[in-house]
C-alpha atoms as a PDB file:
ATOM      1  CA  MET A   1      18.926  18.244  38.114  1.00  0.00           C
ATOM      2  CA  VAL A   2      20.565  18.158  34.696  1.00  0.00           C
ATOM      3  CA  LYS A   3      18.184  17.782  31.844  1.00  0.00           C
ATOM      4  CA  LYS A   4      19.291  15.223  29.201  1.00  0.00           C
ATOM      5  CA  LYS A   5      19.232  16.483  25.545  1.00  0.00           C
ATOM      6  CA  LEU A   6      17.513  13.846  23.501  1.00  0.00           C
ATOM      7  CA  THR A   7      19.408  12.518  20.425  1.00  0.00           C
ATOM      8  CA  TYR A   8      17.649  12.424  17.078  1.00  0.00           C
ATOM      9  CA  LYS A   9      17.531   8.601  17.307  1.00  0.00           C
ATOM     10  CA  GLU A  10      15.738   8.769  20.657  1.00  0.00           C
ATOM     11  CA  LEU A  11      13.328  11.301  19.105  1.00  0.00           C
ATOM     12  CA  GLY A  12      12.477   8.694  16.381  1.00  0.00           C
ATOM     13  CA  VAL A  13      13.911  10.673  13.495  1.00  0.00           C
ATOM     14  CA  ASN A  14      14.586   8.296  10.579  1.00  0.00           C
ATOM     15  CA  LEU A  15      18.123   7.440   9.484  1.00  0.00           C
ATOM     16  CA  GLY A  16      17.785   9.418   6.193  1.00  0.00           C
ATOM     17  CA  SER A  17      17.058  12.632   8.102  1.00  0.00           C
ATOM     18  CA  ILE A  18      19.782  12.104  10.584  1.00  0.00           C
ATOM     19  CA  LYS A  19      22.271  11.672   7.734  1.00  0.00           C
ATOM     20  CA  GLY A  20      20.964  14.888   6.183  1.00  0.00           C
ATOM     21  CA  ILE A  21      21.427  16.786   9.519  1.00  0.00           C
ATOM     22  CA  ILE A  22      25.018  15.510   9.912  1.00  0.00           C
ATOM     23  CA  ALA A  23      26.173  15.800   6.209  1.00  0.00           C
ATOM     24  CA  SER A  24      24.551  19.057   5.118  1.00  0.00           C
ATOM     25  CA  PRO A  25      25.315  22.423   6.637  1.00  0.00           C
ATOM     26  CA  ASP A  26      22.272  23.823   4.901  1.00  0.00           C
ATOM     27  CA  PHE A  27      19.912  21.147   6.304  1.00  0.00           C
ATOM     28  CA  ASP A  28      16.826  22.750   7.816  1.00  0.00           C
ATOM     29  CA  GLU A  29      16.792  21.051  11.158  1.00  0.00           C
ATOM     30  CA  THR A  30      13.477  22.730  12.319  1.00  0.00           C
ATOM     31  CA  LYS A  31      11.696  21.938   9.175  1.00  0.00           C
ATOM     32  CA  ALA A  32      12.734  18.260   9.408  1.00  0.00           C
ATOM     33  CA  LEU A  33      11.664  18.055  13.049  1.00  0.00           C
ATOM     34  CA  LYS A  34       8.238  19.656  12.287  1.00  0.00           C
ATOM     35  CA  GLN A  35       7.732  17.150   9.478  1.00  0.00           C
ATOM     36  CA  HIS A  36       8.712  14.338  11.821  1.00  0.00           C
ATOM     37  CA  TYR A  37       6.270  15.784  14.429  1.00  0.00           C
ATOM     38  CA  ASN A  38       3.409  15.749  12.001  1.00  0.00           C
ATOM     39  CA  GLU A  39       4.245  12.203  10.960  1.00  0.00           C
ATOM     40  CA  LEU A  40       4.175  11.087  14.568  1.00  0.00           C
ATOM     41  CA  LEU A  41       0.838  12.816  15.092  1.00  0.00           C
ATOM     42  CA  ALA A  42      -0.589  10.872  12.074  1.00  0.00           C
ATOM     43  CA  ARG A  43       0.867   7.552  13.407  1.00  0.00           C
ATOM     44  CA  ARG A  44      -0.676   8.288  16.790  1.00  0.00           C
ATOM     45  CA  GLN A  45      -4.024   8.823  15.230  1.00  0.00           C
ATOM     46  CA  GLN A  46      -3.736   5.577  13.335  1.00  0.00           C
ATOM     47  CA  LEU A  47      -2.595   3.759  16.445  1.00  0.00           C
ATOM     48  CA  ASP A  48      -5.501   5.327  18.525  1.00  0.00           C
ATOM     49  CA  ALA A  49      -7.976   4.093  15.833  1.00  0.00           C
ATOM     50  CA  LEU A  50      -6.427   0.582  15.899  1.00  0.00           C
ATOM     51  CA  ILE A  51      -6.473   0.451  19.718  1.00  0.00           C
ATOM     52  CA  HIS A  52     -10.212   1.569  19.628  1.00  0.00           C
ATOM     53  CA  ASN A  53     -11.180  -1.120  17.107  1.00  0.00           C
ATOM     54  CA  VAL A  54      -9.268  -3.871  18.927  1.00  0.00           C
ATOM     55  CA  GLU A  55     -10.956  -2.926  22.168  1.00  0.00           C
ATOM     56  CA  LYS A  56     -14.365  -2.916  20.562  1.00  0.00           C
ATOM     57  CA  THR A  57     -13.700  -6.302  19.036  1.00  0.00           C
ATOM     58  CA  ILE A  58     -12.655  -7.794  22.322  1.00  0.00           C
ATOM     59  CA  PHE A  59     -15.777  -6.407  24.039  1.00  0.00           C
ATOM     60  CA  ASN A  60     -17.845  -7.772  21.151  1.00  0.00           C
ATOM     61  CA  LYS A  61     -16.390 -11.213  21.535  1.00  0.00           C
ATOM     62  CA  GLU A  62     -16.886 -11.109  25.308  1.00  0.00           C
ATOM     63  CA  GLY A  63     -20.483 -10.193  24.786  1.00  0.00           C
ATOM     64  CA  LYS A  64     -20.220  -6.870  26.515  1.00  0.00           C
ATOM     65  CA  ILE A  65     -21.256  -4.919  23.281  1.00  0.00           C
ATOM     66  CA  LYS A  66     -22.622  -5.819  19.931  1.00  0.00           C
ATOM     67  CA  MET A  67     -20.775  -4.375  16.982  1.00  0.00           C
ATOM     68  CA  SER A  68     -22.832  -3.460  13.903  1.00  0.00           C
ATOM     69  CA  ASP A  69     -21.668  -4.954  10.439  1.00  0.00           C
ATOM     70  CA  LYS A  70     -20.652  -1.372   9.578  1.00  0.00           C
ATOM     71  CA  GLU A  71     -18.417  -1.129  12.632  1.00  0.00           C
ATOM     72  CA  LYS A  72     -16.858  -4.498  11.922  1.00  0.00           C
ATOM     73  CA  PHE A  73     -16.178  -3.456   8.416  1.00  0.00           C
ATOM     74  CA  GLU A  74     -14.614  -0.250   9.494  1.00  0.00           C
ATOM     75  CA  GLY A  75     -12.254  -2.127  11.822  1.00  0.00           C
ATOM     76  CA  PHE A  76     -11.418  -4.623   9.067  1.00  0.00           C
ATOM     77  CA  LYS A  77     -10.478  -1.743   6.733  1.00  0.00           C
ATOM     78  CA  GLN A  78      -8.374  -0.109   9.396  1.00  0.00           C
ATOM     79  CA  LYS A  79      -6.541  -3.440   9.957  1.00  0.00           C
ATOM     80  CA  LEU A  80      -5.797  -3.667   6.282  1.00  0.00           C
ATOM     81  CA  LEU A  81      -4.239  -0.282   6.289  1.00  0.00           C
ATOM     82  CA  ASP A  82      -2.339  -0.808   9.493  1.00  0.00           C
ATOM     83  CA  ASP A  83      -0.922  -4.110   8.149  1.00  0.00           C
ATOM     84  CA  ASN A  84       0.025  -2.379   4.877  1.00  0.00           C
ATOM     85  CA  GLU A  85       1.628   0.459   6.697  1.00  0.00           C
ATOM     86  CA  ARG A  86       3.655  -1.880   8.871  1.00  0.00           C
ATOM     87  CA  GLU A  87       5.041  -3.929   5.930  1.00  0.00           C
ATOM     88  CA  TYR A  88       5.253  -1.423   3.051  1.00  0.00           C
ATOM     89  CA  GLY A  89       4.723   2.212   4.627  1.00  0.00           C
ATOM     90  CA  LYS A  90       8.224   3.375   4.538  1.00  0.00           C
ATOM     91  CA  GLU A  91       9.111   2.239   0.956  1.00  0.00           C
ATOM     92  CA  ILE A  92       5.752   3.258  -0.659  1.00  0.00           C
ATOM     93  CA  ARG A  93       6.240   6.865   0.744  1.00  0.00           C
ATOM     94  CA  GLU A  94       9.736   6.916  -0.634  1.00  0.00           C
ATOM     95  CA  LYS A  95       8.537   5.804  -4.048  1.00  0.00           C
ATOM     96  CA  TYR A  96       5.239   7.496  -4.449  1.00  0.00           C
ATOM     97  CA  GLY A  97       5.447  10.294  -1.919  1.00  0.00           C
ATOM     98  CA  LYS A  98       3.484  10.935   1.305  1.00  0.00           C
ATOM     99  CA  ASP A  99       0.611  12.750  -0.395  1.00  0.00           C
ATOM    100  CA  ALA A 100      -0.143   9.924  -2.843  1.00  0.00           C
ATOM    101  CA  VAL A 101      -0.077   7.273  -0.021  1.00  0.00           C
ATOM    102  CA  GLU A 102      -2.450   9.315   2.191  1.00  0.00           C
ATOM    103  CA  LYS A 103      -4.851   9.824  -0.714  1.00  0.00           C
ATOM    104  CA  SER A 104      -4.791   6.096  -1.320  1.00  0.00           C
ATOM    105  CA  TYR A 105      -5.439   5.328   2.305  1.00  0.00           C
ATOM    106  CA  SER A 106      -8.333   7.793   2.361  1.00  0.00           C
ATOM    107  CA  LYS A 107      -9.934   5.909  -0.623  1.00  0.00           C
ATOM    108  CA  VAL A 108      -9.755   2.673   1.435  1.00  0.00           C
ATOM    109  CA  LYS A 109     -11.188   4.284   4.443  1.00  0.00           C
ATOM    110  CA  ASN A 110     -14.096   5.635   2.457  1.00  0.00           C
ATOM    111  CA  MET A 111     -14.685   2.318   0.602  1.00  0.00           C
ATOM    112  CA  THR A 112     -18.141   0.955   1.046  1.00  0.00           C
ATOM    113  CA  GLN A 113     -18.917  -2.687   1.556  1.00  0.00           C
ATOM    114  CA  GLU A 114     -20.297  -2.921  -1.974  1.00  0.00           C
ATOM    115  CA  GLU A 115     -17.061  -1.428  -3.398  1.00  0.00           C
ATOM    116  CA  TYR A 116     -15.017  -3.871  -1.381  1.00  0.00           C
ATOM    117  CA  ASP A 117     -16.982  -6.790  -2.651  1.00  0.00           C
ATOM    118  CA  ALA A 118     -16.530  -5.460  -6.167  1.00  0.00           C
ATOM    119  CA  VAL A 119     -12.727  -5.113  -5.832  1.00  0.00           C
ATOM    120  CA  THR A 120     -12.531  -8.626  -4.175  1.00  0.00           C
ATOM    121  CA  LYS A 121     -14.366 -10.089  -7.125  1.00  0.00           C
ATOM    122  CA  LEU A 122     -12.135  -8.175  -9.532  1.00  0.00           C
ATOM    123  CA  SER A 123      -9.003  -9.534  -7.773  1.00  0.00           C
ATOM    124  CA  GLU A 124     -10.300 -12.984  -8.300  1.00  0.00           C
ATOM    125  CA  GLU A 125     -10.988 -12.367 -11.937  1.00  0.00           C
ATOM    126  CA  ILE A 126      -7.449 -11.029 -12.448  1.00  0.00           C
ATOM    127  CA  THR A 127      -6.027 -14.137 -10.881  1.00  0.00           C
ATOM    128  CA  LYS A 128      -8.105 -16.407 -13.181  1.00  0.00           C
ATOM    129  CA  THR A 129      -7.456 -14.398 -16.334  1.00  0.00           C
ATOM    130  CA  LEU A 130      -3.739 -14.087 -15.605  1.00  0.00           C
ATOM    131  CA  GLY A 131      -3.471 -17.895 -15.118  1.00  0.00           C
ATOM    132  CA  GLU A 132      -5.165 -18.569 -18.358  1.00  0.00           C
ATOM    133  CA  ALA A 133      -3.048 -15.905 -20.194  1.00  0.00           C
ATOM    134  CA  PHE A 134       0.213 -17.305 -18.783  1.00  0.00           C
ATOM    135  CA  LYS A 135      -0.527 -20.626 -20.482  1.00  0.00           C
ATOM    136  CA  THR A 136      -0.512 -18.956 -23.875  1.00  0.00           C
ATOM    137  CA  GLY A 137       3.012 -17.495 -23.279  1.00  0.00           C
ATOM    138  CA  ASP A 138       2.016 -14.261 -25.067  1.00  0.00           C
ATOM    139  CA  PRO A 139       1.934 -11.137 -22.925  1.00  0.00           C
ATOM    140  CA  ALA A 140       0.652  -9.194 -25.937  1.00  0.00           C
ATOM    141  CA  GLY A 141      -2.258 -11.614 -26.483  1.00  0.00           C
ATOM    142  CA  ASP A 142      -5.900 -10.776 -25.824  1.00  0.00           C
ATOM    143  CA  LEU A 143      -5.992 -12.671 -22.540  1.00  0.00           C
ATOM    144  CA  ALA A 144      -2.859 -11.034 -21.198  1.00  0.00           C
ATOM    145  CA  GLN A 145      -4.048  -7.616 -22.193  1.00  0.00           C
ATOM    146  CA  LYS A 146      -7.449  -8.273 -20.553  1.00  0.00           C
ATOM    147  CA  ALA A 147      -5.581  -9.122 -17.386  1.00  0.00           C
ATOM    148  CA  ALA A 148      -3.627  -5.874 -17.579  1.00  0.00           C
ATOM    149  CA  ASP A 149      -6.882  -3.974 -18.123  1.00  0.00           C
ATOM    150  CA  LEU A 150      -8.515  -5.682 -15.199  1.00  0.00           C
ATOM    151  CA  HIS A 151      -5.525  -4.754 -13.085  1.00  0.00           C
ATOM    152  CA  LYS A 152      -5.973  -1.122 -14.046  1.00  0.00           C
ATOM    153  CA  GLN A 153      -9.617  -1.316 -12.967  1.00  0.00           C
ATOM    154  CA  TRP A 154      -8.448  -2.852  -9.666  1.00  0.00           C
ATOM    155  CA  LEU A 155      -6.007  -0.019  -9.106  1.00  0.00           C
ATOM    156  CA  SER A 156      -8.773   2.532  -9.491  1.00  0.00           C
ATOM    157  CA  PHE A 157     -10.176   1.327  -6.141  1.00  0.00           C
ATOM    158  CA  TYR A 158      -6.912   2.289  -4.418  1.00  0.00           C
ATOM    159  CA  TRP A 159      -5.280   5.016  -6.399  1.00  0.00           C
ATOM    160  CA  ASP A 160      -6.534   8.613  -6.309  1.00  0.00           C
ATOM    161  CA  SER A 161      -5.393   9.096  -9.964  1.00  0.00           C
ATOM    162  CA  TYR A 162      -4.041   6.762 -12.683  1.00  0.00           C
ATOM    163  CA  SER A 163      -0.920   7.148 -14.849  1.00  0.00           C
ATOM    164  CA  LYS A 164       0.621   4.636 -17.280  1.00  0.00           C
ATOM    165  CA  GLU A 165       4.052   5.479 -15.824  1.00  0.00           C
ATOM    166  CA  ALA A 166       2.981   4.569 -12.271  1.00  0.00           C
ATOM    167  CA  HIS A 167       1.230   1.438 -13.526  1.00  0.00           C
ATOM    168  CA  GLY A 168       4.357   0.355 -15.343  1.00  0.00           C
ATOM    169  CA  GLY A 169       6.508   1.153 -12.299  1.00  0.00           C
ATOM    170  CA  LEU A 170       4.308  -0.995 -10.135  1.00  0.00           C
ATOM    171  CA  ALA A 171       4.454  -3.909 -12.564  1.00  0.00           C
ATOM    172  CA  GLN A 172       8.253  -3.662 -12.397  1.00  0.00           C
ATOM    173  CA  MET A 173       8.182  -3.658  -8.651  1.00  0.00           C
ATOM    174  CA  TYR A 174       6.136  -6.940  -8.762  1.00  0.00           C
ATOM    175  CA  VAL A 175       9.362  -8.485 -10.231  1.00  0.00           C
ATOM    176  CA  ASP A 176      11.972  -6.612  -8.281  1.00  0.00           C
ATOM    177  CA  ASP A 177      10.412  -7.096  -4.899  1.00  0.00           C
ATOM    178  CA  GLU A 178      10.709 -10.665  -3.656  1.00  0.00           C
ATOM    179  CA  ARG A 179       7.450 -10.478  -1.569  1.00  0.00           C
ATOM    180  CA  PHE A 180       5.367  -9.564  -4.597  1.00  0.00           C
ATOM    181  CA  LYS A 181       7.257 -11.891  -6.780  1.00  0.00           C
ATOM    182  CA  ALA A 182       6.502 -14.778  -4.458  1.00  0.00           C
ATOM    183  CA  TYR A 183       2.838 -13.920  -4.387  1.00  0.00           C
ATOM    184  CA  TYR A 184       2.388 -13.907  -8.134  1.00  0.00           C
ATOM    185  CA  ASP A 185       4.658 -16.900  -8.761  1.00  0.00           C
ATOM    186  CA  LYS A 186       3.059 -19.110  -6.096  1.00  0.00           C
ATOM    187  CA  GLU A 187       1.093 -21.094  -8.614  1.00  0.00           C
ATOM    188  CA  GLN A 188       3.416 -20.884 -11.594  1.00  0.00           C
ATOM    189  CA  SER A 189       7.026 -19.467 -11.604  1.00  0.00           C
ATOM    190  CA  GLY A 190       7.443 -16.710 -14.096  1.00  0.00           C
ATOM    191  CA  THR A 191       3.925 -15.191 -13.659  1.00  0.00           C
ATOM    192  CA  ALA A 192       5.190 -11.961 -12.160  1.00  0.00           C
ATOM    193  CA  GLU A 193       7.449 -11.316 -15.089  1.00  0.00           C
ATOM    194  CA  PHE A 194       4.608 -12.217 -17.503  1.00  0.00           C
ATOM    195  CA  LEU A 195       2.260  -9.821 -15.764  1.00  0.00           C
ATOM    196  CA  ARG A 196       4.890  -7.105 -15.870  1.00  0.00           C
ATOM    197  CA  ASP A 197       5.436  -7.631 -19.673  1.00  0.00           C
ATOM    198  CA  ALA A 198       1.623  -7.546 -20.188  1.00  0.00           C
ATOM    199  CA  ILE A 199       1.243  -4.327 -18.329  1.00  0.00           C
ATOM    200  CA  LEU A 200       4.210  -2.642 -19.956  1.00  0.00           C
ATOM    201  CA  ILE A 201       2.763  -3.487 -23.362  1.00  0.00           C
ATOM    202  CA  TYR A 202      -0.731  -2.335 -22.133  1.00  0.00           C
ATOM    203  CA  THR A 203       0.654   1.038 -21.021  1.00  0.00           C
ATOM    204  CA  GLY A 204       3.093   1.427 -23.989  1.00  0.00           C
ATOM    205  CA  MET A 205       5.989   1.462 -21.477  1.00  0.00           C
ATOM    206  CA  ASN A 206       7.771  -1.470 -23.170  1.00  0.00           C
ATOM    207  CA  LYS A 207       9.514   0.732 -25.770  1.00  0.00           C
END
């Protein structure tokens, strides 16, 4: 029986790594495959956790078990991470690096119910303040700068460390990425650009 040699595509190697293997004679194939292997293990761990949580939720709804509030909250947080990974995982790793993303995910996993309630309240306050600030038309005004500061506080619940450069970069992404732009512009067109300008002024990145 002849064993088939699996292609990189069949091994699930991403397109960028495949291009590197093909284009560069100095490309470290073994290192790339080991990195891919570790990424697959991490994804399997996330998938196993998701399957476990879904299974428990089904059993809870069927009355076979009774989930505690803590278990429900843990399942809820895992779903948030899985949804975020599915929609933004690849691009946020490319933009911020694998280590930064994993640290952010770790903060969410360790978030308490009280912290989640606080960040939810903060998010609502940002929306309200930003809406009022937008009416003034002045991203440098007190209300707009308050919205930018609230946004910084909101980030502290998700980011392992804060930098003005990263904050400014995120603000620009809110404008460049149609998904974020649509979210901020859903009430008033131009809000995403207004928030970006306010944050760039707040961080001193507008110069």
